[in-house]
Amino acid sequence: MNNLCGKLAMDVPINASASQFHEIFHKRPYHIPKVSTDKIQGAELQGGEWGKVGSIVCWNYFLDRKNSVAKEIVEAVDEEKKSITFKVIEGDLLEEFKSFKFILQCDQKEKGSVVHWTLEYEKLHPEIKDSHSLLEFAAAVSKDIDAHLMEVAEA
């Protein structure tokens, strides 16, 4: 790997089951703007079918005090491992990165589960900072989804 390539990862413990959490990102990402309204304003299907490899989702989100857009293709889904990989194909991230992927995996624990986020990217030039704020953003969205899933479970 050259010095332009990077990888950041974070584990986010949640109360919801791995299946519940994975199902939202996999089959119902359009639901995320309803539960994380201050962070994500939209998730629109622009090609394919929700949850299918090759489908294209356009996300409108608010990060680092500005509205941003990311168009992503679902690159891989593993139902057994509760993982999904999104590759950014258009949008604001590609102004600083040659390539960018979000890998999301949810592991069931005895109580609750752990959401494991991995960001893999290649910067356009060395002066670009690693995207720690985006990783924190993903963790915060995970917490919003978890809170929603817990509310629904208690209802």
C-alpha atoms as a PDB file:
ATOM      1  CA  MET A   1       0.000   0.000   0.000  1.00  0.00           C
ATOM      2  CA  ASN A   2       1.261   3.447  -0.812  1.00  0.00           C
ATOM      3  CA  ASN A   3       0.947   6.374   1.595  1.00  0.00           C
ATOM      4  CA  LEU A   4      -2.206   7.544  -0.194  1.00  0.00           C
ATOM      5  CA  CYS A   5      -4.131   4.398   0.748  1.00  0.00           C
ATOM      6  CA  GLY A   6      -5.807   4.245   4.106  1.00  0.00           C
ATOM      7  CA  LYS A   7      -8.079   2.214   6.279  1.00  0.00           C
ATOM      8  CA  LEU A   8      -9.977   3.274   9.393  1.00  0.00           C
ATOM      9  CA  ALA A   9     -12.114   1.005  11.558  1.00  0.00           C
ATOM     10  CA  MET A  10     -14.336   1.331  14.595  1.00  0.00           C
ATOM     11  CA  ASP A  11     -16.528  -0.973  16.656  1.00  0.00           C
ATOM     12  CA  VAL A  12     -19.849   0.373  17.911  1.00  0.00           C
ATOM     13  CA  PRO A  13     -21.612  -1.691  20.591  1.00  0.00           C
ATOM     14  CA  ILE A  14     -25.406  -1.592  20.216  1.00  0.00           C
ATOM     15  CA  ASN A  15     -28.383  -3.152  21.991  1.00  0.00           C
ATOM     16  CA  ALA A  16     -30.198  -4.364  18.859  1.00  0.00           C
ATOM     17  CA  SER A  17     -29.566  -7.760  17.330  1.00  0.00           C
ATOM     18  CA  ALA A  18     -27.117  -8.115  14.442  1.00  0.00           C
ATOM     19  CA  SER A  19     -29.996  -9.273  12.213  1.00  0.00           C
ATOM     20  CA  GLN A  20     -32.160  -6.215  12.989  1.00  0.00           C
ATOM     21  CA  PHE A  21     -29.324  -3.781  12.337  1.00  0.00           C
ATOM     22  CA  HIS A  22     -28.108  -5.490   9.163  1.00  0.00           C
ATOM     23  CA  GLU A  23     -31.644  -5.621   7.795  1.00  0.00           C
ATOM     24  CA  ILE A  24     -31.997  -1.814   7.972  1.00  0.00           C
ATOM     25  CA  PHE A  25     -28.811  -1.155   5.966  1.00  0.00           C
ATOM     26  CA  HIS A  26     -29.349  -4.087   3.637  1.00  0.00           C
ATOM     27  CA  LYS A  27     -33.064  -3.998   2.801  1.00  0.00           C
ATOM     28  CA  ARG A  28     -34.373  -0.664   4.163  1.00  0.00           C
ATOM     29  CA  PRO A  29     -31.708   2.072   3.899  1.00  0.00           C
ATOM     30  CA  TYR A  30     -34.503   4.463   2.870  1.00  0.00           C
ATOM     31  CA  HIS A  31     -35.643   4.226   6.524  1.00  0.00           C
ATOM     32  CA  ILE A  32     -32.348   5.643   7.892  1.00  0.00           C
ATOM     33  CA  PRO A  33     -33.153   9.340   7.138  1.00  0.00           C
ATOM     34  CA  LYS A  34     -36.280   8.934   9.310  1.00  0.00           C
ATOM     35  CA  VAL A  35     -34.258   7.839  12.364  1.00  0.00           C
ATOM     36  CA  SER A  36     -31.085   9.899  11.891  1.00  0.00           C
ATOM     37  CA  THR A  37     -32.672  13.105  10.631  1.00  0.00           C
ATOM     38  CA  ASP A  38     -29.896  15.476  11.725  1.00  0.00           C
ATOM     39  CA  LYS A  39     -27.263  13.448   9.871  1.00  0.00           C
ATOM     40  CA  ILE A  40     -28.930  11.851   6.847  1.00  0.00           C
ATOM     41  CA  GLN A  41     -31.526  13.697   4.798  1.00  0.00           C
ATOM     42  CA  GLY A  42     -32.126  11.110   2.100  1.00  0.00           C
ATOM     43  CA  ALA A  43     -31.407   7.640   0.751  1.00  0.00           C
ATOM     44  CA  GLU A  44     -32.747   7.206  -2.759  1.00  0.00           C
ATOM     45  CA  LEU A  45     -32.567   4.100  -4.914  1.00  0.00           C
ATOM     46  CA  GLN A  46     -31.198   5.091  -8.331  1.00  0.00           C
ATOM     47  CA  GLY A  47     -30.723   1.685  -9.880  1.00  0.00           C
ATOM     48  CA  GLY A  48     -31.440  -1.958  -9.184  1.00  0.00           C
ATOM     49  CA  GLU A  49     -33.396  -3.211  -6.163  1.00  0.00           C
ATOM     50  CA  TRP A  50     -32.978  -2.399  -2.467  1.00  0.00           C
ATOM     51  CA  GLY A  51     -30.503  -4.808  -0.919  1.00  0.00           C
ATOM     52  CA  LYS A  52     -29.242  -6.339  -4.147  1.00  0.00           C
ATOM     53  CA  VAL A  53     -25.603  -6.339  -5.244  1.00  0.00           C
ATOM     54  CA  GLY A  54     -25.231  -3.812  -8.037  1.00  0.00           C
ATOM     55  CA  SER A  55     -27.997  -1.533  -6.784  1.00  0.00           C
ATOM     56  CA  ILE A  56     -27.181   2.166  -6.556  1.00  0.00           C
ATOM     57  CA  VAL A  57     -28.157   4.347  -3.596  1.00  0.00           C
ATOM     58  CA  CYS A  58     -27.727   8.115  -3.435  1.00  0.00           C
ATOM     59  CA  TRP A  59     -27.253   9.442   0.115  1.00  0.00           C
ATOM     60  CA  ASN A  60     -27.776  13.070   1.150  1.00  0.00           C
ATOM     61  CA  TYR A  61     -26.037  13.730   4.451  1.00  0.00           C
ATOM     62  CA  PHE A  62     -24.769  16.522   6.690  1.00  0.00           C
ATOM     63  CA  LEU A  63     -21.106  16.196   7.704  1.00  0.00           C
ATOM     64  CA  ASP A  64     -18.555  18.722   8.943  1.00  0.00           C
ATOM     65  CA  ARG A  65     -21.186  21.492   8.862  1.00  0.00           C
ATOM     66  CA  LYS A  66     -22.072  21.030   5.195  1.00  0.00           C
ATOM     67  CA  ASN A  67     -24.592  19.180   3.061  1.00  0.00           C
ATOM     68  CA  SER A  68     -22.984  16.391   1.064  1.00  0.00           C
ATOM     69  CA  VAL A  69     -23.951  13.717  -1.437  1.00  0.00           C
ATOM     70  CA  ALA A  70     -22.582  10.221  -2.029  1.00  0.00           C
ATOM     71  CA  LYS A  71     -23.751   7.856  -4.731  1.00  0.00           C
ATOM     72  CA  GLU A  72     -22.823   4.293  -3.805  1.00  0.00           C
ATOM     73  CA  ILE A  73     -23.095   0.911  -5.434  1.00  0.00           C
ATOM     74  CA  VAL A  74     -23.768  -2.132  -3.276  1.00  0.00           C
ATOM     75  CA  GLU A  75     -20.636  -4.125  -4.020  1.00  0.00           C
ATOM     76  CA  ALA A  76     -21.154  -7.138  -1.735  1.00  0.00           C
ATOM     77  CA  VAL A  77     -23.686  -8.557   0.712  1.00  0.00           C
ATOM     78  CA  ASP A  78     -23.067 -11.498   3.022  1.00  0.00           C
ATOM     79  CA  GLU A  79     -26.269 -12.490   4.821  1.00  0.00           C
ATOM     80  CA  GLU A  80     -24.491 -15.038   7.007  1.00  0.00           C
ATOM     81  CA  LYS A  81     -21.802 -12.618   8.212  1.00  0.00           C
ATOM     82  CA  LYS A  82     -24.310  -9.733   8.296  1.00  0.00           C
ATOM     83  CA  SER A  83     -22.022  -7.590   6.162  1.00  0.00           C
ATOM     84  CA  ILE A  84     -22.515  -5.166   3.300  1.00  0.00           C
ATOM     85  CA  THR A  85     -19.969  -3.236   1.233  1.00  0.00           C
ATOM     86  CA  PHE A  86     -20.771   0.091  -0.421  1.00  0.00           C
ATOM     87  CA  LYS A  87     -18.399   1.596  -2.992  1.00  0.00           C
ATOM     88  CA  VAL A  88     -18.687   5.344  -3.595  1.00  0.00           C
ATOM     89  CA  ILE A  89     -19.030   6.017  -7.322  1.00  0.00           C
ATOM     90  CA  GLU A  90     -19.984   9.737  -7.301  1.00  0.00           C
ATOM     91  CA  GLY A  91     -20.238  12.637  -4.915  1.00  0.00           C
ATOM     92  CA  ASP A  92     -18.383  14.894  -2.516  1.00  0.00           C
ATOM     93  CA  LEU A  93     -16.018  12.233  -1.149  1.00  0.00           C
ATOM     94  CA  LEU A  94     -14.503  11.777  -4.605  1.00  0.00           C
ATOM     95  CA  GLU A  95     -13.299  15.389  -4.529  1.00  0.00           C
ATOM     96  CA  GLU A  96     -10.587  14.231  -2.104  1.00  0.00           C
ATOM     97  CA  PHE A  97     -10.459  10.473  -2.634  1.00  0.00           C
ATOM     98  CA  LYS A  98      -9.702   8.437  -5.725  1.00  0.00           C
ATOM     99  CA  SER A  99     -11.712   5.566  -4.230  1.00  0.00           C
ATOM    100  CA  PHE A 100     -13.797   5.092  -1.096  1.00  0.00           C
ATOM    101  CA  LYS A 101     -15.567   2.057   0.402  1.00  0.00           C
ATOM    102  CA  PHE A 102     -17.728   1.557   3.465  1.00  0.00           C
ATOM    103  CA  ILE A 103     -17.720  -1.969   4.872  1.00  0.00           C
ATOM    104  CA  LEU A 104     -20.310  -2.639   7.537  1.00  0.00           C
ATOM    105  CA  GLN A 105     -20.455  -5.863   9.528  1.00  0.00           C
ATOM    106  CA  CYS A 106     -22.646  -6.647  12.505  1.00  0.00           C
ATOM    107  CA  ASP A 107     -21.657  -9.401  14.942  1.00  0.00           C
ATOM    108  CA  GLN A 108     -24.159 -10.868  17.363  1.00  0.00           C
ATOM    109  CA  LYS A 109     -23.031 -10.947  21.001  1.00  0.00           C
ATOM    110  CA  GLU A 110     -24.609 -12.636  24.000  1.00  0.00           C
ATOM    111  CA  LYS A 111     -26.371  -9.354  24.728  1.00  0.00           C
ATOM    112  CA  GLY A 112     -26.799  -6.978  21.802  1.00  0.00           C
ATOM    113  CA  SER A 113     -24.278  -6.830  19.003  1.00  0.00           C
ATOM    114  CA  VAL A 114     -21.270  -4.940  17.686  1.00  0.00           C
ATOM    115  CA  VAL A 115     -21.333  -2.912  14.487  1.00  0.00           C
ATOM    116  CA  HIS A 116     -17.905  -2.949  12.844  1.00  0.00           C
ATOM    117  CA  TRP A 117     -17.302  -0.099  10.380  1.00  0.00           C
ATOM    118  CA  THR A 118     -14.322  -0.125   8.034  1.00  0.00           C
ATOM    119  CA  LEU A 119     -13.517   2.725   5.675  1.00  0.00           C
ATOM    120  CA  GLU A 120     -11.061   1.909   2.888  1.00  0.00           C
ATOM    121  CA  TYR A 121      -9.848   4.672   0.616  1.00  0.00           C
ATOM    122  CA  GLU A 122      -7.181   6.107  -1.607  1.00  0.00           C
ATOM    123  CA  LYS A 123      -6.502   9.844  -1.307  1.00  0.00           C
ATOM    124  CA  LEU A 124      -5.932  12.040  -4.335  1.00  0.00           C
ATOM    125  CA  HIS A 125      -2.857  13.608  -2.670  1.00  0.00           C
ATOM    126  CA  PRO A 126      -0.907  13.278   0.625  1.00  0.00           C
ATOM    127  CA  GLU A 127      -2.215  16.532   2.157  1.00  0.00           C
ATOM    128  CA  ILE A 128      -5.724  15.085   2.518  1.00  0.00           C
ATOM    129  CA  LYS A 129      -6.487  14.043   6.070  1.00  0.00           C
ATOM    130  CA  ASP A 130      -7.818  10.623   7.027  1.00  0.00           C
ATOM    131  CA  SER A 131     -11.573  10.751   7.361  1.00  0.00           C
ATOM    132  CA  HIS A 132     -11.969  10.311  11.122  1.00  0.00           C
ATOM    133  CA  SER A 133     -15.031  12.592  11.132  1.00  0.00           C
ATOM    134  CA  LEU A 134     -16.750  10.272   8.639  1.00  0.00           C
ATOM    135  CA  LEU A 135     -16.013   7.265  10.857  1.00  0.00           C
ATOM    136  CA  GLU A 136     -17.453   9.120  13.869  1.00  0.00           C
ATOM    137  CA  PHE A 137     -20.444  10.025  11.704  1.00  0.00           C
ATOM    138  CA  ALA A 138     -21.044   6.351  10.830  1.00  0.00           C
ATOM    139  CA  ALA A 139     -20.834   5.435  14.521  1.00  0.00           C
ATOM    140  CA  ALA A 140     -23.347   8.169  15.426  1.00  0.00           C
ATOM    141  CA  VAL A 141     -25.775   6.986  12.717  1.00  0.00           C
ATOM    142  CA  SER A 142     -25.407   3.445  14.113  1.00  0.00           C
ATOM    143  CA  LYS A 143     -26.407   4.730  17.568  1.00  0.00           C
ATOM    144  CA  ASP A 144     -29.446   6.517  16.084  1.00  0.00           C
ATOM    145  CA  ILE A 145     -30.556   3.317  14.333  1.00  0.00           C
ATOM    146  CA  ASP A 146     -30.017   1.320  17.519  1.00  0.00           C
ATOM    147  CA  ALA A 147     -32.121   3.779  19.551  1.00  0.00           C
ATOM    148  CA  HIS A 148     -34.894   3.501  16.944  1.00  0.00           C
ATOM    149  CA  LEU A 149     -34.774  -0.309  16.940  1.00  0.00           C
ATOM    150  CA  MET A 150     -34.988  -0.332  20.740  1.00  0.00           C
ATOM    151  CA  GLU A 151     -38.002   2.051  20.666  1.00  0.00           C
ATOM    152  CA  VAL A 152     -39.771  -0.188  18.166  1.00  0.00           C
ATOM    153  CA  ALA A 153     -38.997  -3.284  20.267  1.00  0.00           C
ATOM    154  CA  GLU A 154     -40.462  -1.642  23.374  1.00  0.00           C
ATOM    155  CA  ALA A 155     -43.605  -0.404  21.596  1.00  0.00           C
END
